[in-house]
Amino acid sequence: MKRTMIVLLAALLIPAALVYAQPGHPRGVCDGSGPMMGGGRGMHGGPGMGQGMGRGMGQGMPGARMLLRNADEIGLTADQKTTIEKMVTDFQMERIDKEAALEKAQVQLRTQMMKDDALEADVLAGIDKVTKLKGDLNKMRYSHHMAVRNVLTEEQRDQIKTMVKERRADRWDDRDDQRGMGKGYRRGMQDDD
């Protein structure tokens, strides 16, 4: 029984560790703000996702709060600002409920797994519940991101893509400069290719 519990615990903790190591892990749940959709409060009072939905899911699109911070540069109308602000608030309220349900399920699962007489079926059901709740949270993030994206015009999306690329290049230049490689080091190497 103890060997089964150790295997089940490892099967649960290894994927969890991998998830926590990724941008956008469940502890820093997206709140529709930040560089790609993070920067707000995550579970346990920590920072939000910071990189939003993770690389790829958001297709390089900034989060709602970043859009609001750069509203003038992007050219958001007053209606767009109001709509996005409401979407962020609604998302945060729903996110809190889903995070709480997830955290409760994780506590229940840990408690079940620590029992010497835990039934394998109960532990597996708990794992399924946690997995489903994480999936629901990720789906909700993606739906929110796409809803915010759909508020924007095609021109605004193009402008955002340009802005993101420029800021990304500036960050690389700053890193290269800190390492003593000089500004434009990476760009110069790309030009040689």
C-alpha atoms as a PDB file:
ATOM      1  CA  MET A   1       0.000   0.000   0.000  1.00  0.00           C
ATOM      2  CA  LYS A   2       2.819   2.410   0.861  1.00  0.00           C
ATOM      3  CA  ARG A   3       4.511   1.730  -2.477  1.00  0.00           C
ATOM      4  CA  THR A   4       1.256   2.484  -4.302  1.00  0.00           C
ATOM      5  CA  MET A   5       0.910   5.728  -2.353  1.00  0.00           C
ATOM      6  CA  ILE A   6       4.475   6.755  -3.210  1.00  0.00           C
ATOM      7  CA  VAL A   7       3.901   6.035  -6.902  1.00  0.00           C
ATOM      8  CA  LEU A   8       0.621   7.957  -6.875  1.00  0.00           C
ATOM      9  CA  LEU A   9       2.198  10.843  -4.984  1.00  0.00           C
ATOM     10  CA  ALA A  10       5.072  10.988  -7.489  1.00  0.00           C
ATOM     11  CA  ALA A  11       2.607  10.777 -10.385  1.00  0.00           C
ATOM     12  CA  LEU A  12       0.790  13.788  -8.970  1.00  0.00           C
ATOM     13  CA  LEU A  13       3.731  15.881  -7.816  1.00  0.00           C
ATOM     14  CA  ILE A  14       5.968  15.581 -10.879  1.00  0.00           C
ATOM     15  CA  PRO A  15       3.384  17.050 -13.312  1.00  0.00           C
ATOM     16  CA  ALA A  16       2.486  19.651 -10.687  1.00  0.00           C
ATOM     17  CA  ALA A  17       6.136  20.677 -10.388  1.00  0.00           C
ATOM     18  CA  LEU A  18       6.365  20.974 -14.161  1.00  0.00           C
ATOM     19  CA  VAL A  19       3.226  23.103 -14.238  1.00  0.00           C
ATOM     20  CA  TYR A  20       4.540  25.354 -11.470  1.00  0.00           C
ATOM     21  CA  ALA A  21       7.797  25.804 -13.380  1.00  0.00           C
ATOM     22  CA  GLN A  22       5.956  27.173 -16.406  1.00  0.00           C
ATOM     23  CA  PRO A  23       4.792  30.752 -16.869  1.00  0.00           C
ATOM     24  CA  GLY A  24       1.178  30.842 -15.843  1.00  0.00           C
ATOM     25  CA  HIS A  25       1.185  28.108 -13.244  1.00  0.00           C
ATOM     26  CA  PRO A  26      -2.000  27.823 -11.152  1.00  0.00           C
ATOM     27  CA  ARG A  27      -0.532  29.765  -8.199  1.00  0.00           C
ATOM     28  CA  GLY A  28      -0.168  32.844 -10.363  1.00  0.00           C
ATOM     29  CA  VAL A  29      -3.458  32.676 -12.101  1.00  0.00           C
ATOM     30  CA  CYS A  30      -4.229  35.090 -14.874  1.00  0.00           C
ATOM     31  CA  ASP A  31      -6.375  38.055 -13.993  1.00  0.00           C
ATOM     32  CA  GLY A  32      -6.402  39.727 -17.372  1.00  0.00           C
ATOM     33  CA  SER A  33      -3.504  42.055 -16.720  1.00  0.00           C
ATOM     34  CA  GLY A  34       0.218  42.404 -17.175  1.00  0.00           C
ATOM     35  CA  PRO A  35       2.564  41.813 -20.064  1.00  0.00           C
ATOM     36  CA  MET A  36       0.413  39.119 -21.593  1.00  0.00           C
ATOM     37  CA  MET A  37      -2.367  38.737 -19.070  1.00  0.00           C
ATOM     38  CA  GLY A  38      -0.719  38.557 -15.684  1.00  0.00           C
ATOM     39  CA  GLY A  39       0.615  40.850 -13.075  1.00  0.00           C
ATOM     40  CA  GLY A  40      -2.323  40.716 -10.700  1.00  0.00           C
ATOM     41  CA  ARG A  41      -2.761  38.629  -7.571  1.00  0.00           C
ATOM     42  CA  GLY A  42      -2.502  34.909  -7.841  1.00  0.00           C
ATOM     43  CA  MET A  43      -3.654  32.333  -5.349  1.00  0.00           C
ATOM     44  CA  HIS A  44      -2.011  32.605  -1.917  1.00  0.00           C
ATOM     45  CA  GLY A  45      -1.530  36.362  -2.424  1.00  0.00           C
ATOM     46  CA  GLY A  46       1.476  35.934  -4.703  1.00  0.00           C
ATOM     47  CA  PRO A  47       2.054  37.722  -7.962  1.00  0.00           C
ATOM     48  CA  GLY A  48      -0.156  36.962 -10.923  1.00  0.00           C
ATOM     49  CA  MET A  49       0.974  35.053 -13.948  1.00  0.00           C
ATOM     50  CA  GLY A  50       3.214  37.787 -15.249  1.00  0.00           C
ATOM     51  CA  GLN A  51       3.378  36.173 -18.650  1.00  0.00           C
ATOM     52  CA  GLY A  52      -0.321  35.681 -18.893  1.00  0.00           C
ATOM     53  CA  MET A  53      -1.558  32.580 -20.571  1.00  0.00           C
ATOM     54  CA  GLY A  54       1.875  31.260 -21.210  1.00  0.00           C
ATOM     55  CA  ARG A  55       3.777  31.441 -24.417  1.00  0.00           C
ATOM     56  CA  GLY A  56       1.744  30.466 -27.434  1.00  0.00           C
ATOM     57  CA  MET A  57      -1.761  30.505 -25.997  1.00  0.00           C
ATOM     58  CA  GLY A  58      -2.063  34.257 -26.241  1.00  0.00           C
ATOM     59  CA  GLN A  59      -0.196  34.504 -29.541  1.00  0.00           C
ATOM     60  CA  GLY A  60       1.934  37.360 -28.200  1.00  0.00           C
ATOM     61  CA  MET A  61      -1.086  39.460 -27.327  1.00  0.00           C
ATOM     62  CA  PRO A  62      -0.749  41.546 -24.161  1.00  0.00           C
ATOM     63  CA  GLY A  63      -3.193  41.193 -21.320  1.00  0.00           C
ATOM     64  CA  ALA A  64      -6.167  43.387 -20.669  1.00  0.00           C
ATOM     65  CA  ARG A  65      -4.471  45.567 -18.046  1.00  0.00           C
ATOM     66  CA  MET A  66      -1.529  46.255 -20.311  1.00  0.00           C
ATOM     67  CA  LEU A  67      -3.983  47.255 -23.016  1.00  0.00           C
ATOM     68  CA  LEU A  68      -5.632  49.648 -20.589  1.00  0.00           C
ATOM     69  CA  ARG A  69      -2.262  51.079 -19.483  1.00  0.00           C
ATOM     70  CA  ASN A  70      -1.376  51.733 -23.118  1.00  0.00           C
ATOM     71  CA  ALA A  71      -4.865  52.773 -24.212  1.00  0.00           C
ATOM     72  CA  ASP A  72      -3.743  56.045 -25.796  1.00  0.00           C
ATOM     73  CA  GLU A  73      -0.856  54.453 -27.675  1.00  0.00           C
ATOM     74  CA  ILE A  74      -3.131  51.688 -28.971  1.00  0.00           C
ATOM     75  CA  GLY A  75      -6.007  54.063 -29.657  1.00  0.00           C
ATOM     76  CA  LEU A  76      -8.666  52.454 -27.464  1.00  0.00           C
ATOM     77  CA  THR A  77     -12.004  54.232 -27.496  1.00  0.00           C
ATOM     78  CA  ALA A  78     -13.852  55.070 -24.287  1.00  0.00           C
ATOM     79  CA  ASP A  79     -16.315  52.245 -25.035  1.00  0.00           C
ATOM     80  CA  GLN A  80     -13.496  49.768 -25.543  1.00  0.00           C
ATOM     81  CA  LYS A  81     -11.879  50.808 -22.245  1.00  0.00           C
ATOM     82  CA  THR A  82     -15.183  50.423 -20.387  1.00  0.00           C
ATOM     83  CA  THR A  83     -15.840  47.032 -21.972  1.00  0.00           C
ATOM     84  CA  ILE A  84     -12.365  45.711 -21.173  1.00  0.00           C
ATOM     85  CA  GLU A  85     -12.497  47.016 -17.585  1.00  0.00           C
ATOM     86  CA  LYS A  86     -15.810  45.197 -17.046  1.00  0.00           C
ATOM     87  CA  MET A  87     -14.413  42.029 -18.618  1.00  0.00           C
ATOM     88  CA  VAL A  88     -11.409  42.139 -16.281  1.00  0.00           C
ATOM     89  CA  THR A  89     -13.619  42.566 -13.204  1.00  0.00           C
ATOM     90  CA  ASP A  90     -15.982  39.763 -14.250  1.00  0.00           C
ATOM     91  CA  PHE A  91     -13.030  37.518 -15.025  1.00  0.00           C
ATOM     92  CA  GLN A  92     -11.413  38.194 -11.647  1.00  0.00           C
ATOM     93  CA  MET A  93     -14.630  37.336  -9.798  1.00  0.00           C
ATOM     94  CA  GLU A  94     -15.053  34.058 -11.681  1.00  0.00           C
ATOM     95  CA  ARG A  95     -11.349  33.253 -11.349  1.00  0.00           C
ATOM     96  CA  ILE A  96     -11.487  33.603  -7.560  1.00  0.00           C
ATOM     97  CA  ASP A  97     -14.290  31.038  -7.350  1.00  0.00           C
ATOM     98  CA  LYS A  98     -12.496  28.580  -9.633  1.00  0.00           C
ATOM     99  CA  GLU A  99      -9.183  28.993  -7.797  1.00  0.00           C
ATOM    100  CA  ALA A 100     -10.903  28.378  -4.464  1.00  0.00           C
ATOM    101  CA  ALA A 101     -12.531  25.203  -5.788  1.00  0.00           C
ATOM    102  CA  LEU A 102      -9.177  24.033  -7.141  1.00  0.00           C
ATOM    103  CA  GLU A 103      -7.353  24.739  -3.910  1.00  0.00           C
ATOM    104  CA  LYS A 104     -10.020  22.891  -1.882  1.00  0.00           C
ATOM    105  CA  ALA A 105      -9.782  19.887  -4.209  1.00  0.00           C
ATOM    106  CA  GLN A 106      -5.980  19.879  -3.858  1.00  0.00           C
ATOM    107  CA  VAL A 107      -6.252  19.939  -0.060  1.00  0.00           C
ATOM    108  CA  GLN A 108      -8.785  17.099  -0.142  1.00  0.00           C
ATOM    109  CA  LEU A 109      -6.536  15.083  -2.440  1.00  0.00           C
ATOM    110  CA  ARG A 110      -3.453  15.613  -0.283  1.00  0.00           C
ATOM    111  CA  THR A 111      -5.436  14.582   2.792  1.00  0.00           C
ATOM    112  CA  GLN A 112      -6.722  11.465   1.043  1.00  0.00           C
ATOM    113  CA  MET A 113      -3.253  10.522  -0.174  1.00  0.00           C
ATOM    114  CA  MET A 114      -1.754  10.798   3.320  1.00  0.00           C
ATOM    115  CA  LYS A 115      -4.139   8.217   4.743  1.00  0.00           C
ATOM    116  CA  ASP A 116      -2.588   4.793   5.270  1.00  0.00           C
ATOM    117  CA  ASP A 117      -5.879   3.158   4.320  1.00  0.00           C
ATOM    118  CA  ALA A 118      -6.615   5.357   1.301  1.00  0.00           C
ATOM    119  CA  LEU A 119      -8.473   3.608  -1.466  1.00  0.00           C
ATOM    120  CA  GLU A 120      -6.806   3.866  -4.838  1.00  0.00           C
ATOM    121  CA  ALA A 121     -10.147   4.638  -6.500  1.00  0.00           C
ATOM    122  CA  ASP A 122     -10.693   7.606  -4.162  1.00  0.00           C
ATOM    123  CA  VAL A 123      -7.213   8.998  -4.830  1.00  0.00           C
ATOM    124  CA  LEU A 124      -7.614   8.575  -8.586  1.00  0.00           C
ATOM    125  CA  ALA A 125     -10.995  10.306  -8.442  1.00  0.00           C
ATOM    126  CA  GLY A 126      -9.359  13.169  -6.542  1.00  0.00           C
ATOM    127  CA  ILE A 127      -6.629  13.440  -9.182  1.00  0.00           C
ATOM    128  CA  ASP A 128      -9.289  13.532 -11.889  1.00  0.00           C
ATOM    129  CA  LYS A 129     -11.135  16.294 -10.036  1.00  0.00           C
ATOM    130  CA  VAL A 130      -7.982  18.435  -9.642  1.00  0.00           C
ATOM    131  CA  THR A 131      -7.071  17.897 -13.287  1.00  0.00           C
ATOM    132  CA  LYS A 132     -10.555  18.905 -14.446  1.00  0.00           C
ATOM    133  CA  LEU A 133     -10.548  22.042 -12.316  1.00  0.00           C
ATOM    134  CA  LYS A 134      -7.131  23.063 -13.688  1.00  0.00           C
ATOM    135  CA  GLY A 135      -8.406  22.484 -17.202  1.00  0.00           C
ATOM    136  CA  ASP A 136     -11.521  24.556 -16.525  1.00  0.00           C
ATOM    137  CA  LEU A 137      -9.351  27.385 -15.210  1.00  0.00           C
ATOM    138  CA  ASN A 138      -7.125  27.298 -18.301  1.00  0.00           C
ATOM    139  CA  LYS A 139     -10.153  27.249 -20.601  1.00  0.00           C
ATOM    140  CA  MET A 140     -11.631  30.220 -18.758  1.00  0.00           C
ATOM    141  CA  ARG A 141      -8.340  32.148 -19.150  1.00  0.00           C
ATOM    142  CA  TYR A 142      -8.234  31.431 -22.850  1.00  0.00           C
ATOM    143  CA  SER A 143     -11.874  32.422 -23.365  1.00  0.00           C
ATOM    144  CA  HIS A 144     -11.282  35.672 -21.484  1.00  0.00           C
ATOM    145  CA  HIS A 145      -8.189  36.411 -23.528  1.00  0.00           C
ATOM    146  CA  MET A 146     -10.001  35.830 -26.806  1.00  0.00           C
ATOM    147  CA  ALA A 147     -12.991  37.901 -25.681  1.00  0.00           C
ATOM    148  CA  VAL A 148     -10.700  40.835 -24.854  1.00  0.00           C
ATOM    149  CA  ARG A 149      -8.889  40.373 -28.167  1.00  0.00           C
ATOM    150  CA  ASN A 150     -12.192  40.513 -30.029  1.00  0.00           C
ATOM    151  CA  VAL A 151     -12.930  43.956 -28.573  1.00  0.00           C
ATOM    152  CA  LEU A 152      -9.980  45.317 -30.574  1.00  0.00           C
ATOM    153  CA  THR A 153      -9.958  46.306 -34.221  1.00  0.00           C
ATOM    154  CA  GLU A 154      -7.579  44.635 -36.668  1.00  0.00           C
ATOM    155  CA  GLU A 155      -5.505  47.834 -36.795  1.00  0.00           C
ATOM    156  CA  GLN A 156      -5.200  47.892 -33.004  1.00  0.00           C
ATOM    157  CA  ARG A 157      -4.091  44.236 -32.978  1.00  0.00           C
ATOM    158  CA  ASP A 158      -1.435  45.002 -35.605  1.00  0.00           C
ATOM    159  CA  GLN A 159      -0.235  47.978 -33.587  1.00  0.00           C
ATOM    160  CA  ILE A 160      -0.019  45.810 -30.463  1.00  0.00           C
ATOM    161  CA  LYS A 161       2.017  43.160 -32.293  1.00  0.00           C
ATOM    162  CA  THR A 162       4.459  45.842 -33.425  1.00  0.00           C
ATOM    163  CA  MET A 163       4.637  47.300 -29.917  1.00  0.00           C
ATOM    164  CA  VAL A 164       5.294  43.861 -28.386  1.00  0.00           C
ATOM    165  CA  LYS A 165       8.074  43.109 -30.894  1.00  0.00           C
ATOM    166  CA  GLU A 166       9.747  46.467 -30.234  1.00  0.00           C
ATOM    167  CA  ARG A 167       9.601  46.012 -26.472  1.00  0.00           C
ATOM    168  CA  ARG A 168      10.908  42.467 -26.736  1.00  0.00           C
ATOM    169  CA  ALA A 169      13.844  43.683 -28.864  1.00  0.00           C
ATOM    170  CA  ASP A 170      14.521  46.474 -26.356  1.00  0.00           C
ATOM    171  CA  ARG A 171      14.625  43.929 -23.508  1.00  0.00           C
ATOM    172  CA  TRP A 172      17.168  41.820 -25.403  1.00  0.00           C
ATOM    173  CA  ASP A 173      19.260  44.914 -26.095  1.00  0.00           C
ATOM    174  CA  ASP A 174      19.174  45.787 -22.393  1.00  0.00           C
ATOM    175  CA  ARG A 175      20.250  42.253 -21.449  1.00  0.00           C
ATOM    176  CA  ASP A 176      23.067  42.293 -23.977  1.00  0.00           C
ATOM    177  CA  ASP A 177      24.209  45.699 -22.729  1.00  0.00           C
ATOM    178  CA  GLN A 178      24.260  44.402 -19.140  1.00  0.00           C
ATOM    179  CA  ARG A 179      26.452  41.511 -20.278  1.00  0.00           C
ATOM    180  CA  GLY A 180      28.849  43.886 -22.005  1.00  0.00           C
ATOM    181  CA  MET A 181      27.867  42.844 -25.510  1.00  0.00           C
ATOM    182  CA  GLY A 182      26.542  46.238 -26.516  1.00  0.00           C
ATOM    183  CA  LYS A 183      23.181  47.279 -27.839  1.00  0.00           C
ATOM    184  CA  GLY A 184      22.068  45.562 -30.989  1.00  0.00           C
ATOM    185  CA  TYR A 185      24.439  42.614 -30.488  1.00  0.00           C
ATOM    186  CA  ARG A 186      21.758  40.048 -31.323  1.00  0.00           C
ATOM    187  CA  ARG A 187      20.385  42.107 -34.183  1.00  0.00           C
ATOM    188  CA  GLY A 188      23.876  42.345 -35.642  1.00  0.00           C
ATOM    189  CA  MET A 189      24.254  38.592 -35.435  1.00  0.00           C
ATOM    190  CA  GLN A 190      20.899  38.132 -37.184  1.00  0.00           C
ATOM    191  CA  ASP A 191      22.002  40.462 -39.968  1.00  0.00           C
ATOM    192  CA  ASP A 192      25.064  38.258 -40.582  1.00  0.00           C
ATOM    193  CA  ASP A 193      22.905  35.207 -41.201  1.00  0.00           C
END
